[in-house]
Amino acid sequence: MALITEIRVRATNPNLTPEDFDWLRKTQAATDAKRDPPAVPIEIVGKLRTFGFVTPNGLGGLAITDRGRGALLEQDMRDAEDR
């Protein structure tokens, strides 16, 4: 089951824009620093939640999920290959 989920996430990542990943990075930084996340535009929140990359943090903001961390790692690896 996990393999199927991983394949589906890989297949859908190209649908995300660089701006989406920038907001995901900002959310990750806020989550890691245990501070309030930035106000993410609603259309980007919708995409990131659809992919399971973020979740509500209970304080009206967002927190990055393990799946979101994996997507950032994968994107960073792709970016490094392109250089």
N, C-alpha and C. Protein backbone atom coordinates (compact mmCIF):
# COMPACT_ATOMS: atom_id res chain seq x y z
N MET A 1 0.82 -1.20 0.00
CA MET A 1 0.00 0.00 0.00
C MET A 1 0.86 1.26 0.00
N ALA A 2 1.93 1.29 0.80
CA ALA A 2 2.80 2.46 0.86
C ALA A 2 3.46 2.73 -0.48
N LEU A 3 3.83 1.67 -1.19
CA LEU A 3 4.45 1.83 -2.49
C LEU A 3 3.49 2.49 -3.47
N ILE A 4 2.23 2.09 -3.44
CA ILE A 4 1.24 2.70 -4.33
C ILE A 4 1.09 4.18 -4.01
N THR A 5 1.06 4.52 -2.74
CA THR A 5 0.95 5.93 -2.35
C THR A 5 2.17 6.70 -2.82
N GLU A 6 3.36 6.13 -2.67
CA GLU A 6 4.58 6.80 -3.08
C GLU A 6 4.58 7.04 -4.59
N ILE A 7 4.15 6.07 -5.36
CA ILE A 7 4.09 6.22 -6.81
C ILE A 7 3.09 7.31 -7.18
N ARG A 8 1.95 7.34 -6.52
CA ARG A 8 0.94 8.35 -6.82
C ARG A 8 1.48 9.75 -6.49
N VAL A 9 2.19 9.91 -5.38
CA VAL A 9 2.75 11.20 -5.01
C VAL A 9 3.78 11.64 -6.05
N ARG A 10 4.65 10.72 -6.48
CA ARG A 10 5.63 11.06 -7.51
C ARG A 10 4.95 11.50 -8.79
N ALA A 11 3.89 10.83 -9.14
CA ALA A 11 3.20 11.16 -10.38
C ALA A 11 2.51 12.51 -10.31
N THR A 12 2.11 12.93 -9.13
CA THR A 12 1.38 14.18 -9.01
C THR A 12 2.27 15.38 -8.69
N ASN A 13 3.49 15.15 -8.21
CA ASN A 13 4.37 16.27 -7.87
C ASN A 13 4.59 17.22 -9.03
N PRO A 14 4.71 16.74 -10.28
CA PRO A 14 4.91 17.69 -11.38
C PRO A 14 3.76 18.70 -11.52
N ASN A 15 2.61 18.42 -10.94
CA ASN A 15 1.49 19.35 -11.00
C ASN A 15 1.67 20.53 -10.05
N LEU A 16 2.64 20.45 -9.18
CA LEU A 16 2.90 21.54 -8.24
C LEU A 16 3.89 22.51 -8.86
N THR A 17 3.70 23.77 -8.59
CA THR A 17 4.57 24.80 -9.15
C THR A 17 5.73 25.09 -8.19
N PRO A 18 6.75 25.78 -8.68
CA PRO A 18 7.84 26.19 -7.77
C PRO A 18 7.31 27.02 -6.60
N GLU A 19 6.28 27.84 -6.86
CA GLU A 19 5.69 28.64 -5.78
C GLU A 19 5.07 27.74 -4.70
N ASP A 20 4.43 26.64 -5.12
CA ASP A 20 3.85 25.71 -4.16
C ASP A 20 4.94 25.13 -3.25
N PHE A 21 6.06 24.76 -3.86
CA PHE A 21 7.17 24.21 -3.07
C PHE A 21 7.79 25.26 -2.18
N ASP A 22 7.84 26.51 -2.63
CA ASP A 22 8.35 27.59 -1.76
C ASP A 22 7.50 27.74 -0.50
N TRP A 23 6.17 27.69 -0.68
CA TRP A 23 5.28 27.79 0.48
C TRP A 23 5.43 26.56 1.38
N LEU A 24 5.64 25.40 0.78
CA LEU A 24 5.85 24.19 1.58
C LEU A 24 7.13 24.31 2.39
N ARG A 25 8.18 24.88 1.79
CA ARG A 25 9.43 25.10 2.53
C ARG A 25 9.23 26.08 3.68
N LYS A 26 8.48 27.15 3.44
CA LYS A 26 8.20 28.12 4.51
C LYS A 26 7.42 27.47 5.64
N THR A 27 6.48 26.61 5.29
CA THR A 27 5.70 25.90 6.31
C THR A 27 6.59 24.94 7.08
N GLN A 28 7.51 24.26 6.39
CA GLN A 28 8.45 23.36 7.06
C GLN A 28 9.33 24.14 8.04
N ALA A 29 9.84 25.27 7.61
CA ALA A 29 10.70 26.07 8.49
C ALA A 29 9.94 26.52 9.74
N ALA A 30 8.70 26.92 9.56
CA ALA A 30 7.90 27.35 10.71
C ALA A 30 7.60 26.18 11.64
N THR A 31 7.27 25.02 11.05
CA THR A 31 6.99 23.83 11.86
C THR A 31 8.22 23.43 12.66
N ASP A 32 9.38 23.40 11.99
CA ASP A 32 10.62 22.99 12.66
C ASP A 32 11.03 23.97 13.76
N ALA A 33 10.75 25.25 13.56
CA ALA A 33 11.11 26.27 14.55
C ALA A 33 10.03 26.46 15.62
N LYS A 34 8.94 25.70 15.48
CA LYS A 34 7.81 25.79 16.42
C LYS A 34 7.29 27.22 16.53
N ARG A 35 7.15 27.84 15.36
CA ARG A 35 6.57 29.18 15.33
C ARG A 35 5.37 29.19 14.39
N ASP A 36 4.63 30.26 14.43
CA ASP A 36 3.44 30.36 13.58
C ASP A 36 3.84 30.33 12.12
N PRO A 37 3.12 29.54 11.34
CA PRO A 37 3.42 29.49 9.90
C PRO A 37 2.94 30.74 9.20
N PRO A 38 3.51 31.02 8.03
CA PRO A 38 3.06 32.19 7.28
C PRO A 38 1.63 31.99 6.78
N ALA A 39 1.01 33.08 6.40
CA ALA A 39 -0.34 33.01 5.83
C ALA A 39 -0.21 32.55 4.37
N VAL A 40 -0.51 31.30 4.14
CA VAL A 40 -0.38 30.70 2.81
C VAL A 40 -1.65 31.01 2.01
N PRO A 41 -1.49 31.41 0.75
CA PRO A 41 -2.68 31.66 -0.08
C PRO A 41 -3.59 30.43 -0.14
N ILE A 42 -4.88 30.67 -0.10
CA ILE A 42 -5.87 29.59 0.01
C ILE A 42 -5.78 28.58 -1.12
N GLU A 43 -5.49 29.02 -2.35
CA GLU A 43 -5.41 28.07 -3.46
C GLU A 43 -4.21 27.14 -3.30
N ILE A 44 -3.14 27.64 -2.70
CA ILE A 44 -1.96 26.79 -2.46
C ILE A 44 -2.23 25.85 -1.30
N VAL A 45 -2.90 26.34 -0.26
CA VAL A 45 -3.28 25.48 0.86
C VAL A 45 -4.09 24.29 0.34
N GLY A 46 -5.04 24.56 -0.55
CA GLY A 46 -5.87 23.49 -1.11
C GLY A 46 -5.05 22.43 -1.80
N LYS A 47 -4.08 22.86 -2.61
CA LYS A 47 -3.24 21.89 -3.33
C LYS A 47 -2.39 21.08 -2.35
N LEU A 48 -1.75 21.78 -1.42
CA LEU A 48 -0.86 21.08 -0.48
C LEU A 48 -1.63 20.11 0.40
N ARG A 49 -2.84 20.47 0.81
CA ARG A 49 -3.66 19.56 1.61
C ARG A 49 -4.16 18.39 0.79
N THR A 50 -4.50 18.63 -0.48
CA THR A 50 -4.96 17.56 -1.36
C THR A 50 -3.90 16.47 -1.48
N PHE A 51 -2.65 16.88 -1.60
CA PHE A 51 -1.56 15.92 -1.72
C PHE A 51 -1.13 15.35 -0.37
N GLY A 52 -1.70 15.86 0.72
CA GLY A 52 -1.35 15.37 2.05
C GLY A 52 -0.01 15.90 2.55
N PHE A 53 0.44 17.03 1.99
CA PHE A 53 1.73 17.59 2.37
C PHE A 53 1.66 18.46 3.61
N VAL A 54 0.50 18.98 3.93
CA VAL A 54 0.31 19.79 5.14
C VAL A 54 -0.99 19.36 5.82
N THR A 55 -1.07 19.71 7.08
CA THR A 55 -2.26 19.42 7.86
C THR A 55 -2.54 20.61 8.78
N PRO A 56 -3.78 20.84 9.16
CA PRO A 56 -4.05 21.92 10.11
C PRO A 56 -3.30 21.66 11.42
N ASN A 57 -2.75 22.70 12.02
CA ASN A 57 -1.98 22.51 13.25
C ASN A 57 -2.78 22.76 14.52
N GLY A 58 -4.06 23.05 14.39
CA GLY A 58 -4.90 23.27 15.56
C GLY A 58 -4.90 24.71 16.04
N LEU A 59 -4.02 25.52 15.51
CA LEU A 59 -3.95 26.93 15.90
C LEU A 59 -4.38 27.83 14.76
N GLY A 60 -5.05 27.26 13.78
CA GLY A 60 -5.49 28.03 12.63
C GLY A 60 -4.46 28.10 11.53
N GLY A 61 -3.34 27.43 11.71
CA GLY A 61 -2.27 27.43 10.70
C GLY A 61 -2.07 26.04 10.13
N LEU A 62 -0.91 25.84 9.55
CA LEU A 62 -0.57 24.57 8.92
C LEU A 62 0.71 24.01 9.52
N ALA A 63 0.85 22.70 9.43
CA ALA A 63 2.09 22.03 9.78
C ALA A 63 2.41 21.06 8.65
N ILE A 64 3.70 20.91 8.35
CA ILE A 64 4.11 20.00 7.29
C ILE A 64 3.99 18.56 7.78
N THR A 65 3.65 17.66 6.89
CA THR A 65 3.55 16.24 7.22
C THR A 65 4.82 15.51 6.76
N ASP A 66 4.95 14.25 7.15
CA ASP A 66 6.08 13.45 6.67
C ASP A 66 6.05 13.34 5.15
N ARG A 67 4.88 13.22 4.59
CA ARG A 67 4.74 13.16 3.13
C ARG A 67 5.23 14.47 2.50
N GLY A 68 4.93 15.60 3.13
CA GLY A 68 5.41 16.88 2.63
C GLY A 68 6.92 16.99 2.70
N ARG A 69 7.49 16.50 3.79
CA ARG A 69 8.96 16.50 3.92
C ARG A 69 9.59 15.64 2.82
N GLY A 70 8.97 14.49 2.56
CA GLY A 70 9.48 13.61 1.50
C GLY A 70 9.39 14.27 0.14
N ALA A 71 8.31 14.99 -0.11
CA ALA A 71 8.14 15.68 -1.40
C ALA A 71 9.20 16.77 -1.57
N LEU A 72 9.52 17.49 -0.49
CA LEU A 72 10.57 18.51 -0.57
C LEU A 72 11.93 17.88 -0.84
N LEU A 73 12.21 16.78 -0.17
CA LEU A 73 13.47 16.09 -0.38
C LEU A 73 13.59 15.63 -1.83
N GLU A 74 12.52 15.04 -2.33
CA GLU A 74 12.51 14.57 -3.71
C GLU A 74 12.69 15.75 -4.69
N GLN A 75 12.02 16.86 -4.43
CA GLN A 75 12.14 18.03 -5.29
C GLN A 75 13.56 18.58 -5.25
N ASP A 76 14.16 18.63 -4.07
CA ASP A 76 15.52 19.11 -3.94
C ASP A 76 16.49 18.22 -4.71
N MET A 77 16.26 16.92 -4.69
CA MET A 77 17.11 15.99 -5.44
C MET A 77 16.95 16.22 -6.94
N ARG A 78 15.70 16.44 -7.39
CA ARG A 78 15.46 16.73 -8.81
C ARG A 78 16.16 18.02 -9.22
N ASP A 79 16.06 19.04 -8.38
CA ASP A 79 16.70 20.32 -8.69
C ASP A 79 18.22 20.15 -8.80
N ALA A 80 18.79 19.33 -7.92
CA ALA A 80 20.25 19.10 -7.95
C ALA A 80 20.64 18.37 -9.24
N GLU A 81 19.82 17.44 -9.70
CA GLU A 81 20.11 16.72 -10.95
C GLU A 81 20.07 17.65 -12.15
N ASP A 82 19.19 18.67 -12.10
CA ASP A 82 19.04 19.59 -13.22
C ASP A 82 20.21 20.56 -13.34
N ARG A 83 20.99 20.66 -12.31
CA ARG A 83 22.13 21.62 -12.34
C ARG A 83 23.32 21.03 -13.02
